[in-house]
PDB file of N, CA and C in Angstrom:
ATOM      1  N   MET A   1     -23.080 -56.701 -22.230  1.00  0.00           N
ATOM      2  CA  MET A   1     -22.476 -56.969 -20.558  1.00  0.00           C
ATOM      3  C   MET A   1     -21.168 -55.896 -20.951  1.00  0.00           C
ATOM      4  N   LEU A   2     -20.777 -55.039 -19.990  1.00  0.00           N
ATOM      5  CA  LEU A   2     -19.799 -54.494 -19.823  1.00  0.00           C
ATOM      6  C   LEU A   2     -18.960 -55.238 -19.038  1.00  0.00           C
ATOM      7  N   LYS A   3     -17.564 -55.580 -19.721  1.00  0.00           N
ATOM      8  CA  LYS A   3     -16.390 -55.847 -18.632  1.00  0.00           C
ATOM      9  C   LYS A   3     -15.386 -54.978 -18.441  1.00  0.00           C
ATOM     10  N   PHE A   4     -15.082 -55.262 -16.905  1.00  0.00           N
ATOM     11  CA  PHE A   4     -14.124 -53.603 -16.498  1.00  0.00           C
ATOM     12  C   PHE A   4     -12.336 -54.648 -17.957  1.00  0.00           C
ATOM     13  N   SER A   5     -12.131 -53.912 -18.321  1.00  0.00           N
ATOM     14  CA  SER A   5     -10.406 -53.788 -18.923  1.00  0.00           C
ATOM     15  C   SER A   5     -10.218 -53.638 -18.312  1.00  0.00           C
ATOM     16  N   HIS A   6      -9.315 -52.003 -18.282  1.00  0.00           N
ATOM     17  CA  HIS A   6      -8.318 -51.416 -17.501  1.00  0.00           C
ATOM     18  C   HIS A   6      -7.519 -49.463 -17.013  1.00  0.00           C
ATOM     19  N   VAL A   7      -7.310 -49.136 -16.381  1.00  0.00           N
ATOM     20  CA  VAL A   7      -7.820 -47.678 -17.145  1.00  0.00           C
ATOM     21  C   VAL A   7      -5.915 -47.490 -17.108  1.00  0.00           C
ATOM     22  N   GLY A   8      -6.540 -45.739 -18.226  1.00  0.00           N
ATOM     23  CA  GLY A   8      -5.324 -45.498 -19.123  1.00  0.00           C
ATOM     24  C   GLY A   8      -4.985 -44.374 -18.711  1.00  0.00           C
ATOM     25  N   VAL A   9      -3.661 -44.204 -17.928  1.00  0.00           N
ATOM     26  CA  VAL A   9      -2.706 -42.647 -17.284  1.00  0.00           C
ATOM     27  C   VAL A   9      -2.123 -42.183 -18.200  1.00  0.00           C
ATOM     28  N   ILE A  10      -1.988 -41.015 -18.384  1.00  0.00           N
ATOM     29  CA  ILE A  10      -1.171 -40.122 -19.111  1.00  0.00           C
ATOM     30  C   ILE A  10       0.115 -39.930 -18.823  1.00  0.00           C
ATOM     31  N   THR A  11       0.768 -40.346 -19.275  1.00  0.00           N
ATOM     32  CA  THR A  11       2.871 -40.086 -18.773  1.00  0.00           C
ATOM     33  C   THR A  11       3.329 -38.415 -19.887  1.00  0.00           C
ATOM     34  N   ASP A  12       4.209 -38.603 -19.453  1.00  0.00           N
ATOM     35  CA  ASP A  12       5.380 -37.707 -20.265  1.00  0.00           C
ATOM     36  C   ASP A  12       6.552 -38.484 -20.001  1.00  0.00           C
ATOM     37  N   ASP A  13       6.584 -39.615 -19.388  1.00  0.00           N
ATOM     38  CA  ASP A  13       7.512 -40.077 -19.270  1.00  0.00           C
ATOM     39  C   ASP A  13       8.340 -41.315 -19.511  1.00  0.00           C
ATOM     40  N   PRO A  14       8.819 -41.871 -20.801  1.00  0.00           N
ATOM     41  CA  PRO A  14       8.968 -43.496 -20.820  1.00  0.00           C
ATOM     42  C   PRO A  14       8.687 -44.403 -19.922  1.00  0.00           C
ATOM     43  N   GLN A  15       8.045 -45.391 -20.296  1.00  0.00           N
ATOM     44  CA  GLN A  15       7.698 -46.822 -19.821  1.00  0.00           C
ATOM     45  C   GLN A  15       8.955 -47.636 -20.290  1.00  0.00           C
ATOM     46  N   PRO A  16       8.231 -48.752 -19.445  1.00  0.00           N
ATOM     47  CA  PRO A  16       9.054 -50.238 -20.236  1.00  0.00           C
ATOM     48  C   PRO A  16       8.241 -50.882 -20.805  1.00  0.00           C
ATOM     49  N   GLY A  17       8.725 -51.224 -22.285  1.00  0.00           N
ATOM     50  CA  GLY A  17       7.853 -51.913 -23.044  1.00  0.00           C
ATOM     51  C   GLY A  17       6.900 -51.206 -23.573  1.00  0.00           C
ATOM     52  N   GLU A  18       7.197 -50.186 -23.930  1.00  0.00           N
ATOM     53  CA  GLU A  18       5.901 -48.798 -24.916  1.00  0.00           C
ATOM     54  C   GLU A  18       6.106 -49.730 -26.261  1.00  0.00           C
ATOM     55  N   THR A  19       4.774 -50.033 -26.976  1.00  0.00           N
ATOM     56  CA  THR A  19       4.365 -49.694 -28.000  1.00  0.00           C
ATOM     57  C   THR A  19       3.911 -48.926 -28.974  1.00  0.00           C
ATOM     58  N   TYR A  20       4.581 -48.253 -30.029  1.00  0.00           N
ATOM     59  CA  TYR A  20       4.682 -47.089 -30.964  1.00  0.00           C
ATOM     60  C   TYR A  20       3.370 -47.094 -31.403  1.00  0.00           C
ATOM     61  N   VAL A  21       1.496 -46.191 -31.126  1.00  0.00           N
ATOM     62  CA  VAL A  21       0.861 -46.472 -32.197  1.00  0.00           C
ATOM     63  C   VAL A  21       1.228 -45.047 -33.225  1.00  0.00           C
ATOM     64  N   SER A  22       1.431 -45.765 -34.152  1.00  0.00           N
ATOM     65  CA  SER A  22       1.632 -44.700 -35.718  1.00  0.00           C
ATOM     66  C   SER A  22       0.575 -43.684 -35.845  1.00  0.00           C
ATOM     67  N   ALA A  23      -0.493 -44.020 -35.750  1.00  0.00           N
ATOM     68  CA  ALA A  23      -1.921 -43.476 -36.342  1.00  0.00           C
ATOM     69  C   ALA A  23      -1.615 -42.185 -34.828  1.00  0.00           C
ATOM     70  N   THR A  24      -2.237 -41.922 -34.661  1.00  0.00           N
ATOM     71  CA  THR A  24      -2.851 -41.425 -33.012  1.00  0.00           C
ATOM     72  C   THR A  24      -1.108 -40.932 -32.617  1.00  0.00           C
ATOM     73  N   LYS A  25      -0.022 -41.122 -32.644  1.00  0.00           N
ATOM     74  CA  LYS A  25       1.456 -40.638 -32.400  1.00  0.00           C
ATOM     75  C   LYS A  25       1.634 -40.692 -30.737  1.00  0.00           C
ATOM     76  N   VAL A  26       1.033 -42.285 -30.182  1.00  0.00           N
ATOM     77  CA  VAL A  26       1.513 -41.962 -29.213  1.00  0.00           C
ATOM     78  C   VAL A  26       2.193 -43.990 -28.571  1.00  0.00           C
ATOM     79  N   HIS A  27       2.923 -43.274 -27.832  1.00  0.00           N
ATOM     80  CA  HIS A  27       3.554 -45.114 -26.994  1.00  0.00           C
ATOM     81  C   HIS A  27       2.558 -44.983 -25.364  1.00  0.00           C
ATOM     82  N   VAL A  28       2.491 -46.426 -26.076  1.00  0.00           N
ATOM     83  CA  VAL A  28       1.748 -47.769 -25.032  1.00  0.00           C
ATOM     84  C   VAL A  28       2.071 -48.361 -24.287  1.00  0.00           C
ATOM     85  N   THR A  29       1.767 -48.610 -23.368  1.00  0.00           N
ATOM     86  CA  THR A  29       2.318 -49.862 -22.696  1.00  0.00           C
ATOM     87  C   THR A  29       1.475 -51.078 -22.868  1.00  0.00           C
ATOM     88  N   ASP A  30       1.204 -52.129 -21.993  1.00  0.00           N
ATOM     89  CA  ASP A  30       0.523 -53.311 -22.357  1.00  0.00           C
ATOM     90  C   ASP A  30      -0.355 -53.510 -21.370  1.00  0.00           C
ATOM     91  N   PHE A  31      -1.837 -53.026 -20.801  1.00  0.00           N
ATOM     92  CA  PHE A  31      -2.387 -53.361 -20.047  1.00  0.00           C
ATOM     93  C   PHE A  31      -2.288 -54.943 -18.721  1.00  0.00           C
ATOM     94  N   ALA A  32      -2.105 -55.237 -20.113  1.00  0.00           N
ATOM     95  CA  ALA A  32      -2.214 -57.247 -19.515  1.00  0.00           C
ATOM     96  C   ALA A  32      -1.412 -57.220 -18.825  1.00  0.00           C
ATOM     97  N   ASN A  33      -0.139 -56.632 -18.795  1.00  0.00           N
ATOM     98  CA  ASN A  33       1.469 -57.031 -18.336  1.00  0.00           C
ATOM     99  C   ASN A  33       1.688 -55.762 -16.730  1.00  0.00           C
ATOM    100  N   HIS A  34       1.047 -55.922 -16.275  1.00  0.00           N
ATOM    101  CA  HIS A  34       0.849 -54.126 -15.180  1.00  0.00           C
ATOM    102  C   HIS A  34      -0.142 -55.318 -14.329  1.00  0.00           C
ATOM    103  N   PRO A  35       0.111 -55.500 -13.194  1.00  0.00           N
ATOM    104  CA  PRO A  35      -0.734 -56.146 -12.398  1.00  0.00           C
ATOM    105  C   PRO A  35      -2.019 -55.000 -11.702  1.00  0.00           C
ATOM    106  N   TYR A  36      -1.795 -54.129 -11.911  1.00  0.00           N
ATOM    107  CA  TYR A  36      -3.366 -53.109 -11.841  1.00  0.00           C
ATOM    108  C   TYR A  36      -4.000 -53.152 -12.753  1.00  0.00           C
ATOM    109  N   LYS A  37      -3.436 -53.341 -13.816  1.00  0.00           N
ATOM    110  CA  LYS A  37      -4.533 -53.288 -15.046  1.00  0.00           C
ATOM    111  C   LYS A  37      -4.353 -51.958 -15.996  1.00  0.00           C
ATOM    112  N   ILE A  38      -3.183 -51.136 -15.078  1.00  0.00           N
ATOM    113  CA  ILE A  38      -3.086 -49.900 -16.010  1.00  0.00           C
ATOM    114  C   ILE A  38      -2.320 -49.708 -16.914  1.00  0.00           C
ATOM    115  N   GLU A  39      -2.261 -49.146 -17.987  1.00  0.00           N
ATOM    116  CA  GLU A  39      -2.204 -48.194 -19.625  1.00  0.00           C
ATOM    117  C   GLU A  39      -1.698 -47.415 -19.418  1.00  0.00           C
ATOM    118  N   TYR A  40      -0.439 -47.579 -20.034  1.00  0.00           N
ATOM    119  CA  TYR A  40       0.442 -45.947 -19.824  1.00  0.00           C
ATOM    120  C   TYR A  40       0.197 -45.273 -21.304  1.00  0.00           C
ATOM    121  N   LEU A  41      -0.353 -43.763 -21.778  1.00  0.00           N
ATOM    122  CA  LEU A  41       0.187 -43.329 -23.220  1.00  0.00           C
ATOM    123  C   LEU A  41       1.231 -42.142 -22.254  1.00  0.00           C
ATOM    124  N   ARG A  42       1.882 -42.133 -23.597  1.00  0.00           N
ATOM    125  CA  ARG A  42       2.883 -41.235 -23.850  1.00  0.00           C
ATOM    126  C   ARG A  42       2.387 -40.439 -25.448  1.00  0.00           C
ATOM    127  N   PHE A  43       2.228 -39.532 -24.982  1.00  0.00           N
ATOM    128  CA  PHE A  43       1.897 -38.583 -26.286  1.00  0.00           C
ATOM    129  C   PHE A  43       3.006 -38.128 -26.959  1.00  0.00           C
ATOM    130  N   GLU A  44       3.470 -37.760 -28.810  1.00  0.00           N
ATOM    131  CA  GLU A  44       4.050 -37.097 -29.338  1.00  0.00           C
ATOM    132  C   GLU A  44       3.260 -35.465 -29.086  1.00  0.00           C
ATOM    133  N   PRO A  45       4.654 -35.168 -28.981  1.00  0.00           N
ATOM    134  CA  PRO A  45       3.941 -33.198 -28.913  1.00  0.00           C
ATOM    135  C   PRO A  45       2.798 -32.971 -30.156  1.00  0.00           C
ATOM    136  N   ASP A  46       3.026 -33.902 -31.383  1.00  0.00           N
ATOM    137  CA  ASP A  46       2.438 -33.200 -32.504  1.00  0.00           C
ATOM    138  C   ASP A  46       1.433 -34.171 -32.525  1.00  0.00           C
ATOM    139  N   THR A  47       0.769 -35.279 -31.258  1.00  0.00           N
ATOM    140  CA  THR A  47       0.099 -35.439 -31.387  1.00  0.00           C
ATOM    141  C   THR A  47      -1.259 -34.829 -32.010  1.00  0.00           C
ATOM    142  N   PRO A  48      -2.556 -35.840 -33.293  1.00  0.00           N
ATOM    143  CA  PRO A  48      -3.370 -36.011 -33.387  1.00  0.00           C
ATOM    144  C   PRO A  48      -4.542 -35.775 -32.605  1.00  0.00           C
ATOM    145  N   VAL A  49      -4.116 -35.943 -31.271  1.00  0.00           N
ATOM    146  CA  VAL A  49      -5.356 -36.524 -30.224  1.00  0.00           C
ATOM    147  C   VAL A  49      -5.231 -34.993 -29.696  1.00  0.00           C
ATOM    148  N   THR A  50      -6.547 -35.168 -28.942  1.00  0.00           N
ATOM    149  CA  THR A  50      -6.369 -33.180 -28.176  1.00  0.00           C
ATOM    150  C   THR A  50      -8.150 -33.950 -27.131  1.00  0.00           C
ATOM    151  N   GLY A  51      -8.176 -33.011 -26.237  1.00  0.00           N
ATOM    152  CA  GLY A  51      -9.109 -32.398 -25.256  1.00  0.00           C
ATOM    153  C   GLY A  51      -8.771 -33.139 -24.649  1.00  0.00           C
ATOM    154  N   PRO A  52     -10.545 -33.518 -23.950  1.00  0.00           N
ATOM    155  CA  PRO A  52     -10.057 -34.492 -23.508  1.00  0.00           C
ATOM    156  C   PRO A  52      -9.119 -35.788 -22.623  1.00  0.00           C
ATOM    157  N   LEU A  53      -9.260 -36.478 -24.417  1.00  0.00           N
ATOM    158  CA  LEU A  53      -9.066 -38.610 -24.290  1.00  0.00           C
ATOM    159  C   LEU A  53      -6.982 -37.731 -24.082  1.00  0.00           C
ATOM    160  N   ARG A  54      -6.544 -36.611 -24.588  1.00  0.00           N
ATOM    161  CA  ARG A  54      -5.370 -36.420 -25.055  1.00  0.00           C
ATOM    162  C   ARG A  54      -4.539 -35.470 -22.961  1.00  0.00           C
ATOM    163  N   ASP A  55      -5.738 -34.848 -22.510  1.00  0.00           N
ATOM    164  CA  ASP A  55      -5.310 -35.128 -21.245  1.00  0.00           C
ATOM    165  C   ASP A  55      -6.114 -35.724 -19.782  1.00  0.00           C
ATOM    166  N   LEU A  56      -6.757 -36.319 -20.014  1.00  0.00           N
ATOM    167  CA  LEU A  56      -7.504 -37.429 -18.859  1.00  0.00           C
ATOM    168  C   LEU A  56      -7.344 -38.354 -19.043  1.00  0.00           C
ATOM    169  N   PRO A  57      -7.465 -38.815 -18.082  1.00  0.00           N
ATOM    170  CA  PRO A  57      -7.639 -40.846 -17.337  1.00  0.00           C
ATOM    171  C   PRO A  57      -9.329 -41.169 -17.919  1.00  0.00           C
ATOM    172  N   HIS A  58      -8.922 -42.524 -18.553  1.00  0.00           N
ATOM    173  CA  HIS A  58      -9.710 -43.082 -19.117  1.00  0.00           C
ATOM    174  C   HIS A  58     -10.304 -44.609 -18.495  1.00  0.00           C
ATOM    175  N   ILE A  59     -11.090 -45.070 -18.240  1.00  0.00           N
ATOM    176  CA  ILE A  59     -11.354 -46.262 -17.678  1.00  0.00           C
ATOM    177  C   ILE A  59     -11.626 -46.859 -19.712  1.00  0.00           C
ATOM    178  N   ALA A  60     -11.493 -48.706 -19.057  1.00  0.00           N
ATOM    179  CA  ALA A  60     -11.912 -48.958 -20.186  1.00  0.00           C
ATOM    180  C   ALA A  60     -12.340 -50.156 -20.241  1.00  0.00           C
ATOM    181  N   PHE A  61     -13.548 -50.442 -20.814  1.00  0.00           N
ATOM    182  CA  PHE A  61     -14.645 -51.386 -20.859  1.00  0.00           C
ATOM    183  C   PHE A  61     -14.418 -52.167 -21.978  1.00  0.00           C
ATOM    184  N   GLU A  62     -14.881 -53.682 -21.532  1.00  0.00           N
ATOM    185  CA  GLU A  62     -15.153 -54.440 -23.212  1.00  0.00           C
ATOM    186  C   GLU A  62     -16.471 -54.772 -23.069  1.00  0.00           C
ATOM    187  N   THR A  63     -17.308 -53.865 -24.473  1.00  0.00           N
ATOM    188  CA  THR A  63     -18.395 -54.818 -24.396  1.00  0.00           C
ATOM    189  C   THR A  63     -18.908 -55.609 -25.732  1.00  0.00           C
ATOM    190  N   ASP A  64     -19.573 -55.826 -26.379  1.00  0.00           N
ATOM    191  CA  ASP A  64     -19.721 -57.426 -27.153  1.00  0.00           C
ATOM    192  C   ASP A  64     -20.776 -55.683 -28.227  1.00  0.00           C
ATOM    193  N   ASP A  65     -21.466 -54.563 -27.909  1.00  0.00           N
ATOM    194  CA  ASP A  65     -22.072 -53.806 -28.735  1.00  0.00           C
ATOM    195  C   ASP A  65     -22.092 -52.645 -28.822  1.00  0.00           C
ATOM    196  N   LEU A  66     -20.847 -52.519 -28.856  1.00  0.00           N
ATOM    197  CA  LEU A  66     -20.430 -50.709 -29.863  1.00  0.00           C
ATOM    198  C   LEU A  66     -21.754 -49.401 -29.305  1.00  0.00           C
ATOM    199  N   ASP A  67     -22.118 -50.095 -30.402  1.00  0.00           N
ATOM    200  CA  ASP A  67     -23.402 -49.054 -30.877  1.00  0.00           C
ATOM    201  C   ASP A  67     -24.326 -49.220 -29.886  1.00  0.00           C
ATOM    202  N   ARG A  68     -24.789 -50.233 -29.002  1.00  0.00           N
ATOM    203  CA  ARG A  68     -25.074 -49.387 -27.759  1.00  0.00           C
ATOM    204  C   ARG A  68     -24.841 -48.574 -26.914  1.00  0.00           C
ATOM    205  N   GLU A  69     -23.737 -48.997 -26.737  1.00  0.00           N
ATOM    206  CA  GLU A  69     -22.770 -48.465 -25.659  1.00  0.00           C
ATOM    207  C   GLU A  69     -22.494 -46.341 -26.402  1.00  0.00           C
ATOM    208  N   LEU A  70     -22.538 -46.008 -27.242  1.00  0.00           N
ATOM    209  CA  LEU A  70     -22.262 -45.298 -28.252  1.00  0.00           C
ATOM    210  C   LEU A  70     -23.732 -44.388 -27.964  1.00  0.00           C
ATOM    211  N   ALA A  71     -24.939 -45.119 -28.166  1.00  0.00           N
ATOM    212  CA  ALA A  71     -25.981 -44.178 -28.666  1.00  0.00           C
ATOM    213  C   ALA A  71     -26.520 -42.983 -27.305  1.00  0.00           C
ATOM    214  N   GLY A  72     -26.495 -42.236 -27.721  1.00  0.00           N
ATOM    215  CA  GLY A  72     -27.489 -40.916 -26.641  1.00  0.00           C
ATOM    216  C   GLY A  72     -26.279 -40.753 -26.286  1.00  0.00           C
ATOM    217  N   GLN A  73     -24.436 -40.746 -26.463  1.00  0.00           N
ATOM    218  CA  GLN A  73     -23.501 -40.180 -25.421  1.00  0.00           C
ATOM    219  C   GLN A  73     -22.641 -39.667 -26.324  1.00  0.00           C
ATOM    220  N   GLU A  74     -22.268 -38.903 -25.717  1.00  0.00           N
ATOM    221  CA  GLU A  74     -20.988 -37.017 -26.216  1.00  0.00           C
ATOM    222  C   GLU A  74     -19.525 -38.318 -26.751  1.00  0.00           C
ATOM    223  N   VAL A  75     -19.631 -38.816 -27.717  1.00  0.00           N
ATOM    224  CA  VAL A  75     -18.671 -39.392 -28.063  1.00  0.00           C
ATOM    225  C   VAL A  75     -17.021 -38.451 -29.296  1.00  0.00           C
ATOM    226  N   ILE A  76     -15.905 -38.821 -28.680  1.00  0.00           N
ATOM    227  CA  ILE A  76     -15.080 -37.530 -28.541  1.00  0.00           C
ATOM    228  C   ILE A  76     -14.390 -38.288 -29.657  1.00  0.00           C
ATOM    229  N   CYS A  77     -14.616 -39.223 -29.841  1.00  0.00           N
ATOM    230  CA  CYS A  77     -13.301 -40.818 -30.439  1.00  0.00           C
ATOM    231  C   CYS A  77     -14.370 -41.457 -31.079  1.00  0.00           C
ATOM    232  N   GLU A  78     -14.621 -41.465 -32.655  1.00  0.00           N
ATOM    233  CA  GLU A  78     -15.140 -42.101 -33.231  1.00  0.00           C
ATOM    234  C   GLU A  78     -15.126 -43.886 -33.084  1.00  0.00           C
ATOM    235  N   PRO A  79     -15.157 -44.799 -33.429  1.00  0.00           N
ATOM    236  CA  PRO A  79     -14.786 -46.563 -33.339  1.00  0.00           C
ATOM    237  C   PRO A  79     -13.784 -45.914 -34.731  1.00  0.00           C
ATOM    238  N   PHE A  80     -12.517 -46.822 -34.157  1.00  0.00           N
ATOM    239  CA  PHE A  80     -11.545 -47.394 -35.398  1.00  0.00           C
ATOM    240  C   PHE A  80     -11.119 -48.285 -34.405  1.00  0.00           C
ATOM    241  N   GLU A  81      -9.565 -48.703 -35.268  1.00  0.00           N
ATOM    242  CA  GLU A  81      -9.297 -50.746 -34.864  1.00  0.00           C
ATOM    243  C   GLU A  81      -7.710 -50.148 -35.285  1.00  0.00           C
ATOM    244  N   PRO A  82      -7.431 -49.937 -33.453  1.00  0.00           N
ATOM    245  CA  PRO A  82      -5.811 -49.693 -33.416  1.00  0.00           C
ATOM    246  C   PRO A  82      -4.510 -51.350 -33.376  1.00  0.00           C
ATOM    247  N   MET A  83      -5.720 -52.465 -33.748  1.00  0.00           N
ATOM    248  CA  MET A  83      -5.131 -53.511 -33.838  1.00  0.00           C
ATOM    249  C   MET A  83      -5.818 -54.539 -34.755  1.00  0.00           C
ATOM    250  N   PRO A  84      -5.789 -55.281 -35.485  1.00  0.00           N
ATOM    251  CA  PRO A  84      -6.406 -56.559 -36.082  1.00  0.00           C
ATOM    252  C   PRO A  84      -7.680 -56.685 -35.278  1.00  0.00           C
ATOM    253  N   GLY A  85      -8.736 -56.664 -35.773  1.00  0.00           N
ATOM    254  CA  GLY A  85      -9.089 -57.497 -34.375  1.00  0.00           C
ATOM    255  C   GLY A  85      -9.838 -57.133 -33.506  1.00  0.00           C
ATOM    256  N   LEU A  86      -9.390 -55.650 -32.668  1.00  0.00           N
ATOM    257  CA  LEU A  86      -9.846 -54.786 -31.969  1.00  0.00           C
ATOM    258  C   LEU A  86     -10.450 -53.364 -32.473  1.00  0.00           C
ATOM    259  N   THR A  87     -11.862 -53.430 -31.811  1.00  0.00           N
ATOM    260  CA  THR A  87     -12.263 -51.915 -32.302  1.00  0.00           C
ATOM    261  C   THR A  87     -12.659 -51.122 -30.691  1.00  0.00           C
ATOM    262  N   VAL A  88     -12.305 -49.834 -31.045  1.00  0.00           N
ATOM    263  CA  VAL A  88     -12.765 -49.246 -30.031  1.00  0.00           C
ATOM    264  C   VAL A  88     -13.806 -47.805 -29.477  1.00  0.00           C
ATOM    265  N   ALA A  89     -13.848 -46.740 -29.193  1.00  0.00           N
ATOM    266  CA  ALA A  89     -14.565 -45.028 -28.892  1.00  0.00           C
ATOM    267  C   ALA A  89     -14.326 -44.907 -27.738  1.00  0.00           C
ATOM    268  N   PHE A  90     -14.661 -43.738 -27.912  1.00  0.00           N
ATOM    269  CA  PHE A  90     -14.209 -43.122 -26.840  1.00  0.00           C
ATOM    270  C   PHE A  90     -15.519 -42.292 -26.358  1.00  0.00           C
ATOM    271  N   ILE A  91     -16.124 -41.982 -24.842  1.00  0.00           N
ATOM    272  CA  ILE A  91     -17.325 -41.060 -24.804  1.00  0.00           C
ATOM    273  C   ILE A  91     -16.243 -40.329 -23.483  1.00  0.00           C
ATOM    274  N   LEU A  92     -16.759 -38.677 -23.813  1.00  0.00           N
ATOM    275  CA  LEU A  92     -16.713 -38.230 -22.519  1.00  0.00           C
ATOM    276  C   LEU A  92     -18.168 -37.920 -22.271  1.00  0.00           C
ATOM    277  N   ARG A  93     -17.901 -38.257 -20.022  1.00  0.00           N
ATOM    278  CA  ARG A  93     -19.551 -38.886 -19.446  1.00  0.00           C
ATOM    279  C   ARG A  93     -19.398 -37.881 -18.209  1.00  0.00           C
ATOM    280  N   ASP A  94     -19.510 -36.971 -17.834  1.00  0.00           N
ATOM    281  CA  ASP A  94     -20.153 -36.437 -16.593  1.00  0.00           C
ATOM    282  C   ASP A  94     -18.312 -36.607 -16.508  1.00  0.00           C
ATOM    283  N   GLY A  95     -17.967 -35.614 -17.249  1.00  0.00           N
ATOM    284  CA  GLY A  95     -16.825 -35.033 -16.592  1.00  0.00           C
ATOM    285  C   GLY A  95     -15.470 -35.684 -17.034  1.00  0.00           C
ATOM    286  N   ALA A  96     -15.654 -37.493 -17.315  1.00  0.00           N
ATOM    287  CA  ALA A  96     -14.358 -38.553 -17.356  1.00  0.00           C
ATOM    288  C   ALA A  96     -14.500 -38.975 -18.866  1.00  0.00           C
ATOM    289  N   VAL A  97     -13.773 -39.731 -19.082  1.00  0.00           N
ATOM    290  CA  VAL A  97     -13.266 -40.464 -19.801  1.00  0.00           C
ATOM    291  C   VAL A  97     -13.430 -41.746 -20.451  1.00  0.00           C
ATOM    292  N   PHE A  98     -14.200 -42.511 -20.731  1.00  0.00           N
ATOM    293  CA  PHE A  98     -14.811 -43.878 -21.004  1.00  0.00           C
ATOM    294  C   PHE A  98     -14.526 -44.800 -22.338  1.00  0.00           C
ATOM    295  N   GLU A  99     -14.014 -45.785 -22.463  1.00  0.00           N
ATOM    296  CA  GLU A  99     -13.404 -46.412 -23.533  1.00  0.00           C
ATOM    297  C   GLU A  99     -14.158 -47.137 -23.813  1.00  0.00           C
ATOM    298  N   TYR A 100     -14.439 -47.708 -25.408  1.00  0.00           N
ATOM    299  CA  TYR A 100     -15.478 -49.073 -24.950  1.00  0.00           C
ATOM    300  C   TYR A 100     -14.516 -49.518 -25.892  1.00  0.00           C
ATOM    301  N   MET A 101     -14.170 -51.075 -25.627  1.00  0.00           N
ATOM    302  CA  MET A 101     -13.176 -52.062 -26.786  1.00  0.00           C
ATOM    303  C   MET A 101     -13.990 -53.272 -27.176  1.00  0.00           C
ATOM    304  N   LYS A 102     -14.392 -53.445 -28.374  1.00  0.00           N
ATOM    305  CA  LYS A 102     -15.530 -54.621 -28.820  1.00  0.00           C
ATOM    306  C   LYS A 102     -14.698 -55.824 -29.276  1.00  0.00           C
ATOM    307  N   TYR A 103     -13.524 -56.603 -28.815  1.00  0.00           N
ATOM    308  CA  TYR A 103     -13.910 -57.642 -29.284  1.00  0.00           C
ATOM    309  C   TYR A 103     -14.261 -58.414 -30.590  1.00  0.00           C
ATOM    310  N   ALA A 104     -12.840 -58.739 -31.904  1.00  0.00           N
ATOM    311  CA  ALA A 104     -13.722 -59.656 -33.040  1.00  0.00           C
ATOM    312  C   ALA A 104     -14.174 -61.024 -32.628  1.00  0.00           C
TER     313      ALA A 104
END
């Protein structure tokens, strides 16, 4: 079962409450603190993140089965753990970026 989580929006402007993720060289805000569940992402110029994931907004859903959601999809970012207890992966589908999130 999928549950809506948030929308990720790319920005070049610093945002209040950003957290830095060194592995991807991106500053992110906490969507839980935004009234419309928006997560802002501000990438460093030398980020390893490229392509649609770097250039397009994304919509994120929580899932209890990442393998099921990724099966047969164009995975553009393999599952990784941005924080303990959370695994995420990204796909490109119909020209849009989707994030799937699985909490432990």
